[in-house]
Amino acid sequence: MNKKFQDLMHHYKVQMFHQEHDRASVDELSRQCLHITEEVLQRKYHYHFQKLPDANRVEIINMIQSYVREAILPPVVEKLVARQVRLEHRLDSMEKFQRELLEVLSEPGVREKLSR
């Protein structure tokens, strides 16, 4: 039984390593992240003024907003999305590992050993 647990854990670790370092997995992760990042950045968010400011302030605020949207926001959103996608893949692998572990624990011989 201990050997089965070790094999399951080893299989999980190998799978996680391949998910994060295999060329095809990294390319797929990058494609997913870029797609989600583009989708997020396509949404337009507008700042609504409480009082109408003068034209100079509006121009400065629009310039800052454009700079943030085009220069600062894309890499930040991309890193957040990449982290989220990696965590989702890791969670899927963990669920698979738990299912396999529960299948091993539900085998008749294992149940008898655990009930003693």
PDB file of N, CA and C in Angstrom:
ATOM      1  N   MET A   1       0.829  -1.189   0.000  1.00  0.00           N
ATOM      2  CA  MET A   1       0.000   0.000   0.000  1.00  0.00           C
ATOM      3  C   MET A   1       0.877   1.258   0.000  1.00  0.00           C
ATOM      4  N   ASN A   2       1.940   1.224   0.792  1.00  0.00           N
ATOM      5  CA  ASN A   2       2.858   2.358   0.835  1.00  0.00           C
ATOM      6  C   ASN A   2       3.467   2.604  -0.540  1.00  0.00           C
ATOM      7  N   LYS A   3       3.769   1.516  -1.273  1.00  0.00           N
ATOM      8  CA  LYS A   3       4.332   1.625  -2.622  1.00  0.00           C
ATOM      9  C   LYS A   3       3.331   2.305  -3.565  1.00  0.00           C
ATOM     10  N   LYS A   4       2.048   1.999  -3.436  1.00  0.00           N
ATOM     11  CA  LYS A   4       1.017   2.629  -4.276  1.00  0.00           C
ATOM     12  C   LYS A   4       0.955   4.126  -4.016  1.00  0.00           C
ATOM     13  N   PHE A   5       1.004   4.510  -2.762  1.00  0.00           N
ATOM     14  CA  PHE A   5       0.991   5.938  -2.420  1.00  0.00           C
ATOM     15  C   PHE A   5       2.223   6.650  -2.979  1.00  0.00           C
ATOM     16  N   GLN A   6       3.380   6.021  -2.851  1.00  0.00           N
ATOM     17  CA  GLN A   6       4.600   6.616  -3.386  1.00  0.00           C
ATOM     18  C   GLN A   6       4.522   6.752  -4.909  1.00  0.00           C
ATOM     19  N   ASP A   7       3.979   5.737  -5.580  1.00  0.00           N
ATOM     20  CA  ASP A   7       3.836   5.802  -7.033  1.00  0.00           C
ATOM     21  C   ASP A   7       2.875   6.908  -7.451  1.00  0.00           C
ATOM     22  N   LEU A   8       1.765   7.040  -6.731  1.00  0.00           N
ATOM     23  CA  LEU A   8       0.809   8.108  -7.042  1.00  0.00           C
ATOM     24  C   LEU A   8       1.431   9.486  -6.837  1.00  0.00           C
ATOM     25  N   MET A   9       2.153   9.651  -5.752  1.00  0.00           N
ATOM     26  CA  MET A   9       2.784  10.933  -5.473  1.00  0.00           C
ATOM     27  C   MET A   9       3.859  11.239  -6.516  1.00  0.00           C
ATOM     28  N   HIS A  10       4.635  10.238  -6.880  1.00  0.00           N
ATOM     29  CA  HIS A  10       5.661  10.436  -7.903  1.00  0.00           C
ATOM     30  C   HIS A  10       5.030  10.803  -9.252  1.00  0.00           C
ATOM     31  N   HIS A  11       3.968  10.114  -9.605  1.00  0.00           N
ATOM     32  CA  HIS A  11       3.257  10.410 -10.859  1.00  0.00           C
ATOM     33  C   HIS A  11       2.719  11.842 -10.846  1.00  0.00           C
ATOM     34  N   TYR A  12       2.176  12.274  -9.725  1.00  0.00           N
ATOM     35  CA  TYR A  12       1.670  13.646  -9.596  1.00  0.00           C
ATOM     36  C   TYR A  12       2.799  14.663  -9.767  1.00  0.00           C
ATOM     37  N   LYS A  13       3.922  14.430  -9.106  1.00  0.00           N
ATOM     38  CA  LYS A  13       5.053  15.354  -9.199  1.00  0.00           C
ATOM     39  C   LYS A  13       5.610  15.419 -10.624  1.00  0.00           C
ATOM     40  N   VAL A  14       5.700  14.273 -11.288  1.00  0.00           N
ATOM     41  CA  VAL A  14       6.183  14.246 -12.676  1.00  0.00           C
ATOM     42  C   VAL A  14       5.229  15.004 -13.579  1.00  0.00           C
ATOM     43  N   GLN A  15       3.938  14.788 -13.367  1.00  0.00           N
ATOM     44  CA  GLN A  15       2.931  15.477 -14.177  1.00  0.00           C
ATOM     45  C   GLN A  15       3.021  16.993 -13.969  1.00  0.00           C
ATOM     46  N   MET A  16       3.183  17.435 -12.744  1.00  0.00           N
ATOM     47  CA  MET A  16       3.297  18.864 -12.470  1.00  0.00           C
ATOM     48  C   MET A  16       4.570  19.446 -13.096  1.00  0.00           C
ATOM     49  N   PHE A  17       5.654  18.696 -13.038  1.00  0.00           N
ATOM     50  CA  PHE A  17       6.896  19.164 -13.648  1.00  0.00           C
ATOM     51  C   PHE A  17       6.723  19.337 -15.153  1.00  0.00           C
ATOM     52  N   HIS A  18       6.111  18.341 -15.788  1.00  0.00           N
ATOM     53  CA  HIS A  18       5.894  18.435 -17.233  1.00  0.00           C
ATOM     54  C   HIS A  18       4.936  19.568 -17.586  1.00  0.00           C
ATOM     55  N   GLN A  19       3.949  19.783 -16.765  1.00  0.00           N
ATOM     56  CA  GLN A  19       3.004  20.872 -17.021  1.00  0.00           C
ATOM     57  C   GLN A  19       3.687  22.225 -17.004  1.00  0.00           C
ATOM     58  N   GLU A  20       4.637  22.409 -16.127  1.00  0.00           N
ATOM     59  CA  GLU A  20       5.263  23.718 -15.981  1.00  0.00           C
ATOM     60  C   GLU A  20       6.546  23.874 -16.788  1.00  0.00           C
ATOM     61  N   HIS A  21       7.138  22.773 -17.294  1.00  0.00           N
ATOM     62  CA  HIS A  21       8.416  22.890 -17.989  1.00  0.00           C
ATOM     63  C   HIS A  21       8.422  22.319 -19.404  1.00  0.00           C
ATOM     64  N   ASP A  22       7.457  21.509 -19.746  1.00  0.00           N
ATOM     65  CA  ASP A  22       7.402  20.930 -21.075  1.00  0.00           C
ATOM     66  C   ASP A  22       7.111  22.023 -22.099  1.00  0.00           C
ATOM     67  N   ARG A  23       7.774  21.978 -23.235  1.00  0.00           N
ATOM     68  CA  ARG A  23       7.655  23.033 -24.254  1.00  0.00           C
ATOM     69  C   ARG A  23       6.211  23.191 -24.727  1.00  0.00           C
ATOM     70  N   ALA A  24       5.529  22.092 -25.019  1.00  0.00           N
ATOM     71  CA  ALA A  24       4.145  22.169 -25.502  1.00  0.00           C
ATOM     72  C   ALA A  24       3.226  22.757 -24.437  1.00  0.00           C
ATOM     73  N   SER A  25       3.434  22.375 -23.186  1.00  0.00           N
ATOM     74  CA  SER A  25       2.609  22.899 -22.096  1.00  0.00           C
ATOM     75  C   SER A  25       2.849  24.386 -21.893  1.00  0.00           C
ATOM     76  N   VAL A  26       4.100  24.809 -21.981  1.00  0.00           N
ATOM     77  CA  VAL A  26       4.421  26.227 -21.814  1.00  0.00           C
ATOM     78  C   VAL A  26       3.819  27.044 -22.951  1.00  0.00           C
ATOM     79  N   ASP A  27       3.885  26.510 -24.181  1.00  0.00           N
ATOM     80  CA  ASP A  27       3.286  27.215 -25.322  1.00  0.00           C
ATOM     81  C   ASP A  27       1.775  27.326 -25.170  1.00  0.00           C
ATOM     82  N   GLU A  28       1.144  26.252 -24.735  1.00  0.00           N
ATOM     83  CA  GLU A  28      -0.309  26.275 -24.525  1.00  0.00           C
ATOM     84  C   GLU A  28      -0.678  27.255 -23.419  1.00  0.00           C
ATOM     85  N   LEU A  29       0.091  27.265 -22.352  1.00  0.00           N
ATOM     86  CA  LEU A  29      -0.135  28.214 -21.256  1.00  0.00           C
ATOM     87  C   LEU A  29       0.002  29.650 -21.752  1.00  0.00           C
ATOM     88  N   SER A  30       1.019  29.908 -22.555  1.00  0.00           N
ATOM     89  CA  SER A  30       1.223  31.253 -23.096  1.00  0.00           C
ATOM     90  C   SER A  30       0.061  31.672 -23.983  1.00  0.00           C
ATOM     91  N   ARG A  31      -0.406  30.750 -24.840  1.00  0.00           N
ATOM     92  CA  ARG A  31      -1.550  31.074 -25.707  1.00  0.00           C
ATOM     93  C   ARG A  31      -2.787  31.396 -24.885  1.00  0.00           C
ATOM     94  N   GLN A  32      -3.054  30.594 -23.879  1.00  0.00           N
ATOM     95  CA  GLN A  32      -4.223  30.843 -23.023  1.00  0.00           C
ATOM     96  C   GLN A  32      -4.101  32.195 -22.331  1.00  0.00           C
ATOM     97  N   CYS A  33      -2.930  32.481 -21.805  1.00  0.00           N
ATOM     98  CA  CYS A  33      -2.729  33.741 -21.077  1.00  0.00           C
ATOM     99  C   CYS A  33      -2.886  34.948 -21.994  1.00  0.00           C
ATOM    100  N   LEU A  34      -2.310  34.869 -23.174  1.00  0.00           N
ATOM    101  CA  LEU A  34      -2.426  35.988 -24.106  1.00  0.00           C
ATOM    102  C   LEU A  34      -3.862  36.209 -24.549  1.00  0.00           C
ATOM    103  N   HIS A  35      -4.585  35.121 -24.756  1.00  0.00           N
ATOM    104  CA  HIS A  35      -5.996  35.237 -25.149  1.00  0.00           C
ATOM    105  C   HIS A  35      -6.816  35.910 -24.045  1.00  0.00           C
ATOM    106  N   ILE A  36      -6.636  35.471 -22.827  1.00  0.00           N
ATOM    107  CA  ILE A  36      -7.382  36.047 -21.708  1.00  0.00           C
ATOM    108  C   ILE A  36      -6.949  37.494 -21.469  1.00  0.00           C
ATOM    109  N   THR A  37      -5.652  37.771 -21.588  1.00  0.00           N
ATOM    110  CA  THR A  37      -5.155  39.140 -21.396  1.00  0.00           C
ATOM    111  C   THR A  37      -5.750  40.079 -22.427  1.00  0.00           C
ATOM    112  N   GLU A  38      -5.768  39.655 -23.684  1.00  0.00           N
ATOM    113  CA  GLU A  38      -6.366  40.491 -24.733  1.00  0.00           C
ATOM    114  C   GLU A  38      -7.837  40.754 -24.448  1.00  0.00           C
ATOM    115  N   GLU A  39      -8.530  39.729 -23.996  1.00  0.00           N
ATOM    116  CA  GLU A  39      -9.951  39.876 -23.681  1.00  0.00           C
ATOM    117  C   GLU A  39     -10.164  40.891 -22.557  1.00  0.00           C
ATOM    118  N   VAL A  40      -9.336  40.824 -21.530  1.00  0.00           N
ATOM    119  CA  VAL A  40      -9.463  41.758 -20.409  1.00  0.00           C
ATOM    120  C   VAL A  40      -9.138  43.181 -20.848  1.00  0.00           C
ATOM    121  N   LEU A  41      -8.077  43.336 -21.644  1.00  0.00           N
ATOM    122  CA  LEU A  41      -7.652  44.666 -22.045  1.00  0.00           C
ATOM    123  C   LEU A  41      -8.585  45.304 -23.075  1.00  0.00           C
ATOM    124  N   GLN A  42      -9.395  44.510 -23.759  1.00  0.00           N
ATOM    125  CA  GLN A  42     -10.335  45.062 -24.727  1.00  0.00           C
ATOM    126  C   GLN A  42     -11.503  45.775 -24.049  1.00  0.00           C
ATOM    127  N   ARG A  43     -11.753  45.428 -22.824  1.00  0.00           N
ATOM    128  CA  ARG A  43     -12.830  46.100 -22.101  1.00  0.00           C
ATOM    129  C   ARG A  43     -12.417  47.533 -21.822  1.00  0.00           C
ATOM    130  N   LYS A  44     -13.319  48.434 -22.049  1.00  0.00           N
ATOM    131  CA  LYS A  44     -13.011  49.855 -21.842  1.00  0.00           C
ATOM    132  C   LYS A  44     -13.581  50.285 -20.494  1.00  0.00           C
ATOM    133  N   TYR A  45     -12.727  50.861 -19.703  1.00  0.00           N
ATOM    134  CA  TYR A  45     -13.145  51.405 -18.419  1.00  0.00           C
ATOM    135  C   TYR A  45     -13.004  52.918 -18.494  1.00  0.00           C
ATOM    136  N   HIS A  46     -14.009  53.621 -18.045  1.00  0.00           N
ATOM    137  CA  HIS A  46     -14.010  55.077 -18.144  1.00  0.00           C
ATOM    138  C   HIS A  46     -14.051  55.698 -16.756  1.00  0.00           C
ATOM    139  N   TYR A  47     -13.362  56.787 -16.643  1.00  0.00           N
ATOM    140  CA  TYR A  47     -13.368  57.563 -15.405  1.00  0.00           C
ATOM    141  C   TYR A  47     -14.425  58.639 -15.541  1.00  0.00           C
ATOM    142  N   HIS A  48     -15.338  58.696 -14.587  1.00  0.00           N
ATOM    143  CA  HIS A  48     -16.399  59.699 -14.625  1.00  0.00           C
ATOM    144  C   HIS A  48     -16.074  60.797 -13.616  1.00  0.00           C
ATOM    145  N   PHE A  49     -16.059  62.009 -14.103  1.00  0.00           N
ATOM    146  CA  PHE A  49     -15.765  63.152 -13.246  1.00  0.00           C
ATOM    147  C   PHE A  49     -17.006  63.547 -12.459  1.00  0.00           C
ATOM    148  N   GLN A  50     -16.809  63.899 -11.181  1.00  0.00           N
ATOM    149  CA  GLN A  50     -17.919  64.398 -10.371  1.00  0.00           C
ATOM    150  C   GLN A  50     -18.264  65.827 -10.776  1.00  0.00           C
ATOM    151  N   LYS A  51     -17.235  66.597 -10.989  1.00  0.00           N
ATOM    152  CA  LYS A  51     -17.403  67.974 -11.452  1.00  0.00           C
ATOM    153  C   LYS A  51     -16.651  68.099 -12.765  1.00  0.00           C
ATOM    154  N   LEU A  52     -17.096  68.918 -13.640  1.00  0.00           N
ATOM    155  CA  LEU A  52     -16.400  69.085 -14.909  1.00  0.00           C
ATOM    156  C   LEU A  52     -15.124  69.880 -14.689  1.00  0.00           C
ATOM    157  N   PRO A  53     -13.961  69.261 -14.932  1.00  0.00           N
ATOM    158  CA  PRO A  53     -12.702  69.982 -14.763  1.00  0.00           C
ATOM    159  C   PRO A  53     -12.390  70.829 -16.003  1.00  0.00           C
ATOM    160  N   ASP A  54     -11.378  71.626 -15.892  1.00  0.00           N
ATOM    161  CA  ASP A  54     -10.996  72.425 -17.052  1.00  0.00           C
ATOM    162  C   ASP A  54     -10.320  71.533 -18.100  1.00  0.00           C
ATOM    163  N   ALA A  55     -10.153  72.041 -19.292  1.00  0.00           N
ATOM    164  CA  ALA A  55      -9.662  71.255 -20.427  1.00  0.00           C
ATOM    165  C   ALA A  55      -8.241  70.737 -20.197  1.00  0.00           C
ATOM    166  N   ASN A  56      -7.388  71.501 -19.543  1.00  0.00           N
ATOM    167  CA  ASN A  56      -6.012  71.054 -19.303  1.00  0.00           C
ATOM    168  C   ASN A  56      -5.965  69.820 -18.415  1.00  0.00           C
ATOM    169  N   ARG A  57      -6.761  69.809 -17.375  1.00  0.00           N
ATOM    170  CA  ARG A  57      -6.790  68.645 -16.466  1.00  0.00           C
ATOM    171  C   ARG A  57      -7.341  67.423 -17.169  1.00  0.00           C
ATOM    172  N   VAL A  58      -8.363  67.598 -17.988  1.00  0.00           N
ATOM    173  CA  VAL A  58      -8.942  66.469 -18.719  1.00  0.00           C
ATOM    174  C   VAL A  58      -7.901  65.872 -19.662  1.00  0.00           C
ATOM    175  N   GLU A  59      -7.156  66.714 -20.341  1.00  0.00           N
ATOM    176  CA  GLU A  59      -6.131  66.244 -21.269  1.00  0.00           C
ATOM    177  C   GLU A  59      -5.042  65.465 -20.528  1.00  0.00           C
ATOM    178  N   ILE A  60      -4.615  65.968 -19.377  1.00  0.00           N
ATOM    179  CA  ILE A  60      -3.590  65.274 -18.588  1.00  0.00           C
ATOM    180  C   ILE A  60      -4.112  63.925 -18.091  1.00  0.00           C
ATOM    181  N   ILE A  61      -5.337  63.902 -17.598  1.00  0.00           N
ATOM    182  CA  ILE A  61      -5.919  62.645 -17.102  1.00  0.00           C
ATOM    183  C   ILE A  61      -6.071  61.641 -18.231  1.00  0.00           C
ATOM    184  N   ASN A  62      -6.504  62.080 -19.397  1.00  0.00           N
ATOM    185  CA  ASN A  62      -6.629  61.174 -20.546  1.00  0.00           C
ATOM    186  C   ASN A  62      -5.268  60.656 -20.994  1.00  0.00           C
ATOM    187  N   MET A  63      -4.247  61.496 -20.930  1.00  0.00           N
ATOM    188  CA  MET A  63      -2.898  61.080 -21.283  1.00  0.00           C
ATOM    189  C   MET A  63      -2.393  60.021 -20.298  1.00  0.00           C
ATOM    190  N   ILE A  64      -2.618  60.234 -19.021  1.00  0.00           N
ATOM    191  CA  ILE A  64      -2.210  59.256 -18.004  1.00  0.00           C
ATOM    192  C   ILE A  64      -2.973  57.950 -18.190  1.00  0.00           C
ATOM    193  N   GLN A  65      -4.263  58.050 -18.437  1.00  0.00           N
ATOM    194  CA  GLN A  65      -5.086  56.857 -18.638  1.00  0.00           C
ATOM    195  C   GLN A  65      -4.599  56.064 -19.857  1.00  0.00           C
ATOM    196  N   SER A  66      -4.291  56.743 -20.945  1.00  0.00           N
ATOM    197  CA  SER A  66      -3.795  56.071 -22.147  1.00  0.00           C
ATOM    198  C   SER A  66      -2.456  55.390 -21.876  1.00  0.00           C
ATOM    199  N   TYR A  67      -1.566  56.078 -21.172  1.00  0.00           N
ATOM    200  CA  TYR A  67      -0.255  55.506 -20.862  1.00  0.00           C
ATOM    201  C   TYR A  67      -0.405  54.255 -20.000  1.00  0.00           C
ATOM    202  N   VAL A  68      -1.232  54.350 -18.994  1.00  0.00           N
ATOM    203  CA  VAL A  68      -1.438  53.207 -18.096  1.00  0.00           C
ATOM    204  C   VAL A  68      -2.031  52.034 -18.869  1.00  0.00           C
ATOM    205  N   ARG A  69      -3.024  52.288 -19.696  1.00  0.00           N
ATOM    206  CA  ARG A  69      -3.698  51.227 -20.442  1.00  0.00           C
ATOM    207  C   ARG A  69      -2.771  50.581 -21.459  1.00  0.00           C
ATOM    208  N   GLU A  70      -1.866  51.345 -22.065  1.00  0.00           N
ATOM    209  CA  GLU A  70      -1.020  50.806 -23.123  1.00  0.00           C
ATOM    210  C   GLU A  70       0.345  50.323 -22.634  1.00  0.00           C
ATOM    211  N   ALA A  71       0.889  50.919 -21.590  1.00  0.00           N
ATOM    212  CA  ALA A  71       2.255  50.586 -21.181  1.00  0.00           C
ATOM    213  C   ALA A  71       2.341  49.792 -19.887  1.00  0.00           C
ATOM    214  N   ILE A  72       1.560  50.158 -18.898  1.00  0.00           N
ATOM    215  CA  ILE A  72       1.705  49.545 -17.580  1.00  0.00           C
ATOM    216  C   ILE A  72       0.766  48.356 -17.395  1.00  0.00           C
ATOM    217  N   LEU A  73      -0.451  48.473 -17.817  1.00  0.00           N
ATOM    218  CA  LEU A  73      -1.458  47.460 -17.544  1.00  0.00           C
ATOM    219  C   LEU A  73      -1.222  46.110 -18.234  1.00  0.00           C
ATOM    220  N   PRO A  74      -0.831  46.047 -19.512  1.00  0.00           N
ATOM    221  CA  PRO A  74      -0.682  44.735 -20.160  1.00  0.00           C
ATOM    222  C   PRO A  74       0.261  43.760 -19.465  1.00  0.00           C
ATOM    223  N   PRO A  75       1.489  44.151 -19.069  1.00  0.00           N
ATOM    224  CA  PRO A  75       2.330  43.157 -18.398  1.00  0.00           C
ATOM    225  C   PRO A  75       1.793  42.738 -17.032  1.00  0.00           C
ATOM    226  N   VAL A  76       1.168  43.653 -16.335  1.00  0.00           N
ATOM    227  CA  VAL A  76       0.608  43.315 -15.020  1.00  0.00           C
ATOM    228  C   VAL A  76      -0.537  42.315 -15.178  1.00  0.00           C
ATOM    229  N   VAL A  77      -1.434  42.609 -16.111  1.00  0.00           N
ATOM    230  CA  VAL A  77      -2.564  41.702 -16.342  1.00  0.00           C
ATOM    231  C   VAL A  77      -2.065  40.352 -16.832  1.00  0.00           C
ATOM    232  N   GLU A  78      -1.046  40.350 -17.690  1.00  0.00           N
ATOM    233  CA  GLU A  78      -0.513  39.101 -18.210  1.00  0.00           C
ATOM    234  C   GLU A  78       0.075  38.236 -17.092  1.00  0.00           C
ATOM    235  N   LYS A  79       0.794  38.844 -16.163  1.00  0.00           N
ATOM    236  CA  LYS A  79       1.359  38.081 -15.043  1.00  0.00           C
ATOM    237  C   LYS A  79       0.262  37.528 -14.139  1.00  0.00           C
ATOM    238  N   LEU A  80      -0.758  38.338 -13.875  1.00  0.00           N
ATOM    239  CA  LEU A  80      -1.869  37.863 -13.051  1.00  0.00           C
ATOM    240  C   LEU A  80      -2.601  36.707 -13.720  1.00  0.00           C
ATOM    241  N   VAL A  81      -2.851  36.841 -15.011  1.00  0.00           N
ATOM    242  CA  VAL A  81      -3.551  35.780 -15.750  1.00  0.00           C
ATOM    243  C   VAL A  81      -2.698  34.518 -15.792  1.00  0.00           C
ATOM    244  N   ALA A  82      -1.398  34.661 -16.015  1.00  0.00           N
ATOM    245  CA  ALA A  82      -0.523  33.486 -16.054  1.00  0.00           C
ATOM    246  C   ALA A  82      -0.539  32.748 -14.723  1.00  0.00           C
ATOM    247  N   ARG A  83      -0.496  33.489 -13.649  1.00  0.00           N
ATOM    248  CA  ARG A  83      -0.547  32.867 -12.318  1.00  0.00           C
ATOM    249  C   ARG A  83      -1.874  32.148 -12.111  1.00  0.00           C
ATOM    250  N   GLN A  84      -2.960  32.786 -12.511  1.00  0.00           N
ATOM    251  CA  GLN A  84      -4.281  32.185 -12.351  1.00  0.00           C
ATOM    252  C   GLN A  84      -4.418  30.895 -13.178  1.00  0.00           C
ATOM    253  N   VAL A  85      -3.944  30.930 -14.416  1.00  0.00           N
ATOM    254  CA  VAL A  85      -4.041  29.745 -15.275  1.00  0.00           C
ATOM    255  C   VAL A  85      -3.178  28.616 -14.731  1.00  0.00           C
ATOM    256  N   ARG A  86      -1.951  28.941 -14.262  1.00  0.00           N
ATOM    257  CA  ARG A  86      -1.096  27.908 -13.666  1.00  0.00           C
ATOM    258  C   ARG A  86      -1.751  27.282 -12.441  1.00  0.00           C
ATOM    259  N   LEU A  87      -2.373  28.110 -11.604  1.00  0.00           N
ATOM    260  CA  LEU A  87      -3.047  27.583 -10.413  1.00  0.00           C
ATOM    261  C   LEU A  87      -4.239  26.710 -10.786  1.00  0.00           C
ATOM    262  N   GLU A  88      -4.961  27.080 -11.842  1.00  0.00           N
ATOM    263  CA  GLU A  88      -6.085  26.250 -12.287  1.00  0.00           C
ATOM    264  C   GLU A  88      -5.602  24.895 -12.784  1.00  0.00           C
ATOM    265  N   HIS A  89      -4.493  24.873 -13.535  1.00  0.00           N
ATOM    266  CA  HIS A  89      -3.931  23.599 -13.994  1.00  0.00           C
ATOM    267  C   HIS A  89      -3.453  22.761 -12.817  1.00  0.00           C
ATOM    268  N   ARG A  90      -2.820  23.406 -11.853  1.00  0.00           N
ATOM    269  CA  ARG A  90      -2.342  22.689 -10.673  1.00  0.00           C
ATOM    270  C   ARG A  90      -3.515  22.106  -9.878  1.00  0.00           C
ATOM    271  N   LEU A  91      -4.599  22.865  -9.771  1.00  0.00           N
ATOM    272  CA  LEU A  91      -5.784  22.382  -9.065  1.00  0.00           C
ATOM    273  C   LEU A  91      -6.403  21.187  -9.788  1.00  0.00           C
ATOM    274  N   ASP A  92      -6.452  21.240 -11.118  1.00  0.00           N
ATOM    275  CA  ASP A  92      -6.973  20.094 -11.879  1.00  0.00           C
ATOM    276  C   ASP A  92      -6.131  18.846 -11.642  1.00  0.00           C
ATOM    277  N   SER A  93      -4.812  19.021 -11.628  1.00  0.00           N
ATOM    278  CA  SER A  93      -3.932  17.875 -11.370  1.00  0.00           C
ATOM    279  C   SER A  93      -4.113  17.346  -9.947  1.00  0.00           C
ATOM    280  N   MET A  94      -4.301  18.244  -9.000  1.00  0.00           N
ATOM    281  CA  MET A  94      -4.517  17.828  -7.615  1.00  0.00           C
ATOM    282  C   MET A  94      -5.836  17.062  -7.479  1.00  0.00           C
ATOM    283  N   GLU A  95      -6.870  17.492  -8.183  1.00  0.00           N
ATOM    284  CA  GLU A  95      -8.148  16.769  -8.147  1.00  0.00           C
ATOM    285  C   GLU A  95      -7.988  15.366  -8.717  1.00  0.00           C
ATOM    286  N   LYS A  96      -7.242  15.253  -9.817  1.00  0.00           N
ATOM    287  CA  LYS A  96      -6.993  13.934 -10.408  1.00  0.00           C
ATOM    288  C   LYS A  96      -6.229  13.049  -9.426  1.00  0.00           C
ATOM    289  N   PHE A  97      -5.221  13.617  -8.768  1.00  0.00           N
ATOM    290  CA  PHE A  97      -4.441  12.881  -7.776  1.00  0.00           C
ATOM    291  C   PHE A  97      -5.340  12.401  -6.637  1.00  0.00           C
ATOM    292  N   GLN A  98      -6.221  13.253  -6.161  1.00  0.00           N
ATOM    293  CA  GLN A  98      -7.123  12.874  -5.069  1.00  0.00           C
ATOM    294  C   GLN A  98      -8.082  11.764  -5.499  1.00  0.00           C
ATOM    295  N   ARG A  99      -8.590  11.860  -6.733  1.00  0.00           N
ATOM    296  CA  ARG A  99      -9.469  10.796  -7.228  1.00  0.00           C
ATOM    297  C   ARG A  99      -8.740   9.455  -7.262  1.00  0.00           C
ATOM    298  N   GLU A 100      -7.513   9.466  -7.777  1.00  0.00           N
ATOM    299  CA  GLU A 100      -6.733   8.224  -7.833  1.00  0.00           C
ATOM    300  C   GLU A 100      -6.432   7.699  -6.435  1.00  0.00           C
ATOM    301  N   LEU A 101      -6.139   8.606  -5.517  1.00  0.00           N
ATOM    302  CA  LEU A 101      -5.862   8.209  -4.140  1.00  0.00           C
ATOM    303  C   LEU A 101      -7.097   7.584  -3.491  1.00  0.00           C
ATOM    304  N   LEU A 102      -8.245   8.184  -3.730  1.00  0.00           N
ATOM    305  CA  LEU A 102      -9.479   7.625  -3.171  1.00  0.00           C
ATOM    306  C   LEU A 102      -9.822   6.275  -3.797  1.00  0.00           C
ATOM    307  N   GLU A 103      -9.492   6.087  -5.064  1.00  0.00           N
ATOM    308  CA  GLU A 103      -9.713   4.785  -5.686  1.00  0.00           C
ATOM    309  C   GLU A 103      -8.836   3.724  -5.038  1.00  0.00           C
ATOM    310  N   VAL A 104      -7.592   4.079  -4.749  1.00  0.00           N
ATOM    311  CA  VAL A 104      -6.684   3.136  -4.085  1.00  0.00           C
ATOM    312  C   VAL A 104      -7.205   2.824  -2.686  1.00  0.00           C
ATOM    313  N   LEU A 105      -7.669   3.842  -1.976  1.00  0.00           N
ATOM    314  CA  LEU A 105      -8.168   3.619  -0.614  1.00  0.00           C
ATOM    315  C   LEU A 105      -9.473   2.830  -0.593  1.00  0.00           C
ATOM    316  N   SER A 106     -10.224   2.860  -1.679  1.00  0.00           N
ATOM    317  CA  SER A 106     -11.501   2.144  -1.694  1.00  0.00           C
ATOM    318  C   SER A 106     -11.363   0.694  -2.136  1.00  0.00           C
ATOM    319  N   GLU A 107     -10.163   0.264  -2.491  1.00  0.00           N
ATOM    320  CA  GLU A 107      -9.954  -1.136  -2.858  1.00  0.00           C
ATOM    321  C   GLU A 107     -10.214  -2.022  -1.643  1.00  0.00           C
ATOM    322  N   PRO A 108     -10.771  -3.213  -1.859  1.00  0.00           N
ATOM    323  CA  PRO A 108     -11.144  -4.085  -0.737  1.00  0.00           C
ATOM    324  C   PRO A 108      -9.995  -4.422   0.216  1.00  0.00           C
ATOM    325  N   GLY A 109      -8.826  -4.752  -0.287  1.00  0.00           N
ATOM    326  CA  GLY A 109      -7.703  -5.119   0.578  1.00  0.00           C
ATOM    327  C   GLY A 109      -7.231  -3.951   1.425  1.00  0.00           C
ATOM    328  N   VAL A 110      -7.295  -2.763   0.885  1.00  0.00           N
ATOM    329  CA  VAL A 110      -6.837  -1.578   1.619  1.00  0.00           C
ATOM    330  C   VAL A 110      -7.812  -1.230   2.728  1.00  0.00           C
ATOM    331  N   ARG A 111      -9.115  -1.347   2.433  1.00  0.00           N
ATOM    332  CA  ARG A 111     -10.114  -1.040   3.450  1.00  0.00           C
ATOM    333  C   ARG A 111      -9.972  -1.944   4.666  1.00  0.00           C
ATOM    334  N   GLU A 112      -9.668  -3.216   4.423  1.00  0.00           N
ATOM    335  CA  GLU A 112      -9.501  -4.140   5.550  1.00  0.00           C
ATOM    336  C   GLU A 112      -8.275  -3.776   6.385  1.00  0.00           C
ATOM    337  N   LYS A 113      -7.191  -3.394   5.746  1.00  0.00           N
ATOM    338  CA  LYS A 113      -5.979  -3.020   6.480  1.00  0.00           C
ATOM    339  C   LYS A 113      -6.201  -1.753   7.301  1.00  0.00           C
ATOM    340  N   LEU A 114      -6.952  -0.795   6.738  1.00  0.00           N
ATOM    341  CA  LEU A 114      -7.195   0.453   7.448  1.00  0.00           C
ATOM    342  C   LEU A 114      -8.169   0.288   8.607  1.00  0.00           C
ATOM    343  N   SER A 115      -9.081  -0.675   8.520  1.00  0.00           N
ATOM    344  CA  SER A 115     -10.072  -0.845   9.578  1.00  0.00           C
ATOM    345  C   SER A 115      -9.498  -1.560  10.806  1.00  0.00           C
ATOM    346  N   ARG A 116      -8.342  -2.150  10.689  1.00  0.00           N
ATOM    347  CA  ARG A 116      -7.731  -2.864  11.830  1.00  0.00           C
ATOM    348  C   ARG A 116      -7.180  -1.941  12.850  1.00  0.00           C
TER     349      ARG A 116
END
